[in-house]
């Protein structure tokens, strides 16, 4: 496994590239989108905050966030989950374990009751 280079002051680092080669990934991001009925946002967020998560027990897990859309969009999605993993393999181990455990909901962080998840996670 390659170590991530130390970031210089200010958090940025210099990467030399010729513009056509894809850089080595430093993380894998998995996301899910949810449609929450108007007026149900606070309850949805409270249930999400109160649920017991096992994400942090998995090797390669880095971070998780529940995001709320500011404003509206015709797609109807109001919330997203965002999880950061060392790499796709670490995410797949977690996802596989959730499915074997028979937990309902999408493969990324389980949806609290009342939310409609949209498809599976995407990453990059």
Protein backbone atom coordinates (compact mmCIF):
# COMPACT_ATOMS: atom_id res chain seq x y z
CA UNK A 1 0.00 0.00 0.00
CA UNK A 2 1.35 3.45 -0.89
CA UNK A 3 1.38 6.18 1.69
CA UNK A 4 -0.39 9.44 0.95
CA UNK A 5 2.20 12.21 0.56
CA UNK A 6 2.39 14.76 3.34
CA UNK A 7 0.43 17.91 2.55
CA UNK A 8 2.39 21.16 2.67
CA UNK A 9 1.22 24.09 4.82
CA UNK A 10 -2.26 25.21 3.81
CA UNK A 11 -3.38 21.67 2.95
CA UNK A 12 -2.47 21.65 -0.73
CA UNK A 13 0.21 19.60 -2.40
CA UNK A 14 1.83 19.83 -5.80
CA UNK A 15 1.17 16.98 -8.23
CA UNK A 16 3.10 16.75 -11.46
CA UNK A 17 1.10 15.22 -14.31
CA UNK A 18 1.02 15.42 -18.07
CA UNK A 19 -2.76 15.87 -18.19
CA UNK A 20 -3.87 12.53 -19.60
CA UNK A 21 -2.97 9.92 -16.98
CA UNK A 22 -5.45 9.36 -14.16
CA UNK A 23 -3.91 9.96 -10.75
CA UNK A 24 -3.87 7.18 -8.18
CA UNK A 25 -6.97 7.32 -5.98
CA UNK A 26 -6.55 8.60 -2.44
CA UNK A 27 -10.04 7.60 -1.27
CA UNK A 28 -13.32 6.03 -2.36
CA UNK A 29 -16.59 7.94 -1.81
CA UNK A 30 -19.97 6.19 -1.60
CA UNK A 31 -23.20 8.18 -1.72
CA UNK A 32 -26.95 7.58 -1.46
CA UNK A 33 -29.77 10.04 -2.06
CA UNK A 34 -33.07 10.18 -0.17
CA UNK A 35 -36.43 11.83 -0.77
CA UNK A 36 -37.99 12.98 2.50
CA UNK A 37 -41.57 14.27 2.53
CA UNK A 38 -41.96 17.98 3.31
CA UNK A 39 -42.24 18.47 7.05
CA UNK A 40 -40.47 15.19 7.78
CA UNK A 41 -36.92 16.49 7.53
CA UNK A 42 -36.31 17.03 11.25
CA UNK A 43 -37.62 13.58 12.19
CA UNK A 44 -35.57 11.94 9.42
CA UNK A 45 -32.40 13.67 10.58
CA UNK A 46 -33.09 12.84 14.24
CA UNK A 47 -33.64 9.15 13.45
CA UNK A 48 -30.44 9.12 11.41
CA UNK A 49 -28.47 10.74 14.25
CA UNK A 50 -29.87 8.28 16.80
CA UNK A 51 -29.21 5.08 14.88
CA UNK A 52 -26.37 2.81 15.93
CA UNK A 53 -23.72 2.66 13.23
CA UNK A 54 -21.04 0.01 12.80
CA UNK A 55 -19.17 1.89 10.06
CA UNK A 56 -16.28 2.92 12.31
CA UNK A 57 -15.57 -0.71 13.19
CA UNK A 58 -14.61 -1.53 9.59
CA UNK A 59 -11.04 -1.33 8.35
CA UNK A 60 -10.68 1.44 5.79
CA UNK A 61 -13.63 3.54 6.97
CA UNK A 62 -12.66 7.24 7.18
CA UNK A 63 -15.75 9.45 7.56
CA UNK A 64 -19.52 9.74 7.19
CA UNK A 65 -21.86 12.69 6.69
CA UNK A 66 -25.59 13.16 6.28
CA UNK A 67 -26.14 16.10 3.93
CA UNK A 68 -29.31 18.19 3.54
CA UNK A 69 -30.02 19.95 0.26
CA UNK A 70 -30.26 23.72 0.48
CA UNK A 71 -33.24 24.61 -1.68
CA UNK A 72 -35.22 22.37 -4.01
CA UNK A 73 -34.68 20.61 -7.29
CA UNK A 74 -37.10 18.82 -9.62
CA UNK A 75 -35.38 15.50 -8.83
CA UNK A 76 -37.07 15.53 -5.39
CA UNK A 77 -34.03 14.40 -3.41
CA UNK A 78 -33.61 16.24 -0.13
CA UNK A 79 -30.79 14.38 1.63
CA UNK A 80 -27.63 12.45 0.75
CA UNK A 81 -25.26 10.26 2.70
CA UNK A 82 -21.55 10.50 2.02
CA UNK A 83 -19.05 7.95 3.30
CA UNK A 84 -15.30 8.00 2.75
CA UNK A 85 -13.26 4.80 2.55
CA UNK A 86 -9.57 4.06 2.08
CA UNK A 87 -10.43 2.29 -1.18
CA UNK A 88 -13.25 0.54 -2.99
CA UNK A 89 -12.19 -2.84 -1.59
CA UNK A 90 -12.73 -1.62 2.00
CA UNK A 91 -16.18 -0.30 1.05
CA UNK A 92 -17.10 -3.61 -0.63
CA UNK A 93 -16.14 -5.55 2.52
CA UNK A 94 -18.49 -3.34 4.57
CA UNK A 95 -21.26 -3.56 1.98
CA UNK A 96 -20.99 -7.31 1.79
CA UNK A 97 -21.16 -7.65 5.55
CA UNK A 98 -24.34 -5.52 5.70
CA UNK A 99 -26.00 -7.72 3.09
CA UNK A 100 -25.00 -10.94 4.86
CA UNK A 101 -26.40 -9.55 8.09
CA UNK A 102 -29.77 -9.27 6.33
CA UNK A 103 -30.20 -5.57 7.02
CA UNK A 104 -32.85 -3.89 4.84
CA UNK A 105 -32.21 -0.76 2.84
CA UNK A 106 -29.59 0.40 0.38
CA UNK A 107 -26.02 -0.91 0.44
CA UNK A 108 -24.59 2.36 1.76
CA UNK A 109 -25.63 3.57 5.25
CA UNK A 110 -29.03 2.11 6.09
CA UNK A 111 -31.99 4.40 5.56
CA UNK A 112 -33.97 5.42 8.62
CA UNK A 113 -37.69 4.70 8.45
CA UNK A 114 -39.71 7.06 6.28
CA UNK A 115 -37.05 7.80 3.70
CA UNK A 116 -37.00 6.56 0.16
CA UNK A 117 -33.43 5.77 -0.98
CA UNK A 118 -32.59 6.17 -4.64
CA UNK A 119 -30.71 3.25 -6.12
CA UNK A 120 -27.33 2.01 -4.94
CA UNK A 121 -24.23 3.94 -3.99
CA UNK A 122 -21.86 5.44 -6.46
CA UNK A 123 -18.26 6.16 -5.79
CA UNK A 124 -15.20 7.65 -7.34
